[in-house]
Amino acid sequence: MSAATSLRLGRPACEKGLGDLITVPDAPKLIDGVKIQPVTLWPDDRGYFLEIHRLRQGIAASFPLDSSQVSAALSYPGTIKAFHIHTRQTDCWTPAAGMFQVALVDFREDSPTYGRKNTMYVGALRPWQILIPPGVAHGYKVIGRDPALLVYMTDRFYDPADEGRIPYNDSSLAYDWETQHK
C-alpha cells in the first residue's frame, strides 16, 4: 500500500484566527510537506512575463509527465474558494495575477504539524509557487480590487472521488477570513 492510500485524515479543532503567517519560503512554522519557491517575474514597459513551470524542475519536478494537469481559475475580488482537500492529489499553485490570501490546514493525523494553520499573501506582490501535499486542506480569498488568476498544476488528472470539500466557515477550523484592519 502506498503512503498516499494509507493517509489518515482527522478533523483538527483549531483556534480562531489565521494561524501562522508565512512570510519567507523556509519559515519554521510552515506545514510539513508544503514547499514554497519564489517565481521570477520579468516586468517591462509592456507588462510582465512569468514562467510557471519547467517540467522535471522546481518544486513540481516529481510530477509525472503522462498524468499531470495544468488548470487556471479566475476569481473576482472578495471571492473565497475554500476548503478543498485531497487524499492522493498534490497541487502546485502559481498566482499569475492579482493577490491571494492563501489558507492551509494540516489534516494528516500522522503529520508533525497536524492541526497547524498557515496563511500567506501571494500574487503580484509576492510571486511564489506553493506545493500542497495530500491531506493539507487549502483555499484562498482574492484580496484587493482586481480579479486574480491562479494557475495550478496537479500530479494527476482531476478525479471527483478525490475532491473533498469543507465549508470556508467551518467552525472546527475557525479560519478568520475577515480583513485584518490593524
Protein backbone atom coordinates (compact mmCIF):
# COMPACT_ATOMS: atom_id res chain seq x y z
CA MET A 1 0.00 0.00 0.00
CA SER A 2 1.45 3.38 -0.94
CA ALA A 3 1.77 6.23 1.53
CA ALA A 4 -0.92 8.16 -0.35
CA THR A 5 -3.53 5.42 0.01
CA SER A 6 -2.77 4.92 3.72
CA LEU A 7 -3.17 8.61 4.54
CA ARG A 8 -5.10 9.01 7.80
CA LEU A 9 -7.07 12.24 7.99
CA GLY A 10 -8.52 13.72 11.15
CA ARG A 11 -10.62 16.79 11.81
CA PRO A 12 -8.47 19.17 13.85
CA ALA A 13 -10.05 21.65 16.21
CA CYS A 14 -8.27 24.94 15.57
CA GLU A 15 -8.16 28.19 17.47
CA LYS A 16 -9.89 31.11 15.77
CA GLY A 17 -7.57 33.12 13.59
CA LEU A 18 -5.14 32.97 10.70
CA GLY A 19 -2.69 30.51 12.21
CA ASP A 20 0.97 31.09 11.42
CA LEU A 21 1.71 33.87 8.95
CA ILE A 22 4.27 32.62 6.42
CA THR A 23 6.43 35.46 5.07
CA VAL A 24 9.53 33.58 3.87
CA PRO A 25 9.76 30.34 1.85
CA ASP A 26 11.67 28.46 4.58
CA ALA A 27 9.55 29.64 7.50
CA PRO A 28 9.97 27.38 10.56
CA LYS A 29 6.18 27.19 11.11
CA LEU A 30 5.42 26.00 7.56
CA ILE A 31 3.20 22.91 7.47
CA ASP A 32 5.25 19.75 6.95
CA GLY A 33 5.50 18.82 3.26
CA VAL A 34 4.35 22.21 1.98
CA LYS A 35 7.02 23.79 -0.21
CA ILE A 36 7.38 27.36 -1.39
CA GLN A 37 9.52 28.56 -4.25
CA PRO A 38 9.77 32.17 -5.40
CA VAL A 39 8.93 32.61 -9.08
CA THR A 40 10.88 35.02 -11.23
CA LEU A 41 8.73 37.75 -12.68
CA TRP A 42 10.16 39.79 -15.56
CA PRO A 43 8.40 43.20 -15.82
CA ASP A 44 8.92 45.69 -18.61
CA ASP A 45 7.03 48.60 -20.19
CA ARG A 46 4.57 46.17 -21.88
CA GLY A 47 3.60 44.16 -18.77
CA TYR A 48 5.34 41.13 -17.34
CA PHE A 49 6.46 37.60 -18.12
CA LEU A 50 6.02 34.88 -15.51
CA GLU A 51 7.49 31.44 -16.09
CA ILE A 52 5.09 28.97 -14.45
CA HIS A 53 6.71 25.54 -14.78
CA ARG A 54 9.64 23.79 -16.33
CA LEU A 55 8.81 20.12 -16.45
CA ARG A 56 11.09 17.95 -14.32
CA GLN A 57 12.42 21.02 -12.48
CA GLY A 58 11.46 23.05 -9.44
CA ILE A 59 9.10 22.04 -6.65
CA ALA A 60 6.87 20.02 -9.01
CA ALA A 61 9.79 18.10 -10.58
CA SER A 62 8.37 14.74 -9.47
CA PHE A 63 5.01 15.24 -11.20
CA PRO A 64 4.50 12.52 -13.85
CA LEU A 65 4.52 13.68 -17.45
CA ASP A 66 1.68 11.38 -18.53
CA SER A 67 -0.95 12.29 -15.92
CA SER A 68 -0.27 15.84 -14.71
CA GLN A 69 -2.83 18.52 -15.41
CA VAL A 70 -2.48 22.32 -15.69
CA SER A 71 -5.56 24.43 -14.99
CA ALA A 72 -6.43 28.04 -14.24
CA ALA A 73 -9.07 29.75 -12.12
CA LEU A 74 -10.03 33.41 -12.42
CA SER A 75 -11.77 34.78 -9.33
CA TYR A 76 -13.27 38.18 -8.61
CA PRO A 77 -12.32 40.42 -5.65
CA GLY A 78 -13.62 39.11 -2.32
CA THR A 79 -14.22 35.58 -3.63
CA ILE A 80 -13.43 32.80 -1.16
CA LYS A 81 -12.74 29.33 -2.53
CA ALA A 82 -12.20 27.07 0.44
CA PHE A 83 -11.59 24.49 1.59
CA HIS A 84 -10.51 21.63 -0.70
CA ILE A 85 -8.66 18.52 0.42
CA HIS A 86 -7.29 15.50 -1.43
CA THR A 87 -6.05 12.11 -0.26
CA ARG A 88 -3.99 11.40 -3.39
CA GLN A 89 -3.51 14.61 -5.37
CA THR A 90 -0.66 17.09 -4.90
CA ASP A 91 -1.28 20.66 -6.09
CA CYS A 92 1.29 23.24 -7.18
CA TRP A 93 -0.23 26.72 -7.15
CA THR A 94 1.17 29.72 -9.02
CA PRO A 95 -0.70 33.00 -8.64
CA ALA A 96 -0.34 34.65 -12.05
CA ALA A 97 -2.25 37.92 -11.47
CA GLY A 98 -3.83 39.72 -8.55
CA MET A 99 -3.36 38.93 -4.86
CA PHE A 100 -4.47 35.95 -2.77
CA GLN A 101 -4.81 35.24 0.92
CA VAL A 102 -3.96 31.52 0.95
CA ALA A 103 -5.08 29.35 3.87
CA LEU A 104 -3.71 25.87 4.61
CA VAL A 105 -4.69 23.43 7.39
CA ASP A 106 -2.93 20.12 8.08
CA PHE A 107 -5.48 17.26 8.42
CA ARG A 108 -2.90 14.44 8.40
CA GLU A 109 -3.06 12.66 11.76
CA ASP A 110 0.47 11.25 11.41
CA SER A 111 1.98 14.63 10.50
CA PRO A 112 4.22 16.50 12.97
CA THR A 113 2.21 19.61 12.07
CA TYR A 114 -1.30 18.06 12.41
CA GLY A 115 -3.83 20.83 13.06
CA ARG A 116 -1.48 23.68 12.13
CA LYS A 117 -2.87 26.57 10.07
CA ASN A 118 -0.76 28.68 7.72
CA THR A 119 -1.66 31.92 5.99
CA MET A 120 0.34 33.51 3.20
CA TYR A 121 -0.27 36.53 0.99
CA VAL A 122 0.89 35.75 -2.53
CA GLY A 123 0.48 37.02 -6.05
CA ALA A 124 1.72 40.03 -7.97
CA LEU A 125 3.45 41.49 -4.91
CA ARG A 126 4.89 38.15 -3.73
CA PRO A 127 5.27 35.75 -6.68
CA TRP A 128 5.55 32.34 -5.00
CA GLN A 129 4.71 28.82 -6.06
CA ILE A 130 3.15 26.69 -3.34
CA LEU A 131 3.29 22.89 -3.33
CA ILE A 132 0.37 21.45 -1.33
CA PRO A 133 0.59 17.75 -0.45
CA PRO A 134 -2.36 15.37 0.03
CA GLY A 135 -4.07 15.79 3.38
CA VAL A 136 -3.50 19.54 3.62
CA ALA A 137 -6.76 21.46 3.22
CA HIS A 138 -6.33 24.55 1.09
CA GLY A 139 -8.24 27.59 -0.01
CA TYR A 140 -7.95 31.25 -0.81
CA LYS A 141 -9.58 34.65 -0.78
CA VAL A 142 -8.97 37.20 -3.52
CA ILE A 143 -7.80 40.41 -1.87
CA GLY A 144 -7.51 43.86 -3.40
CA ARG A 145 -9.62 45.50 -6.11
CA ASP A 146 -8.69 43.35 -9.10
CA PRO A 147 -9.59 39.84 -10.18
CA ALA A 148 -6.91 37.24 -9.51
CA LEU A 149 -5.69 34.37 -11.69
CA LEU A 150 -4.42 31.14 -10.16
CA VAL A 151 -2.60 28.70 -12.42
CA TYR A 152 -2.21 25.30 -10.83
CA MET A 153 -0.64 22.04 -11.80
CA THR A 154 -1.68 18.73 -10.26
CA ASP A 155 0.23 15.46 -10.24
CA ARG A 156 -2.78 13.54 -11.56
CA PHE A 157 -5.84 14.18 -13.67
CA TYR A 158 -8.94 15.55 -11.93
CA ASP A 159 -10.77 12.85 -10.00
CA PRO A 160 -14.06 13.90 -8.35
CA ALA A 161 -13.71 10.99 -5.90
CA ASP A 162 -10.54 12.63 -4.52
CA GLU A 163 -12.06 16.11 -4.18
CA GLY A 164 -13.05 16.71 -0.56
CA ARG A 165 -14.85 19.91 0.39
CA ILE A 166 -15.05 21.69 3.72
CA PRO A 167 -17.08 24.92 4.05
CA TYR A 168 -14.96 28.07 4.24
CA ASN A 169 -16.66 28.95 7.54
CA ASP A 170 -16.36 25.51 9.19
CA SER A 171 -16.40 26.15 12.95
CA SER A 172 -13.80 23.47 13.77
CA LEU A 173 -11.24 25.18 11.52
CA ALA A 174 -12.23 28.66 12.77
CA TYR A 175 -10.30 30.34 9.97
CA ASP A 176 -10.69 34.12 10.07
CA TRP A 177 -11.39 35.38 6.54
CA GLU A 178 -12.12 38.95 7.69
CA THR A 179 -9.81 41.72 6.54
CA GLN A 180 -7.37 42.45 9.36
CA HIS A 181 -7.77 46.20 9.98
CA LYS A 182 -4.62 46.77 12.01
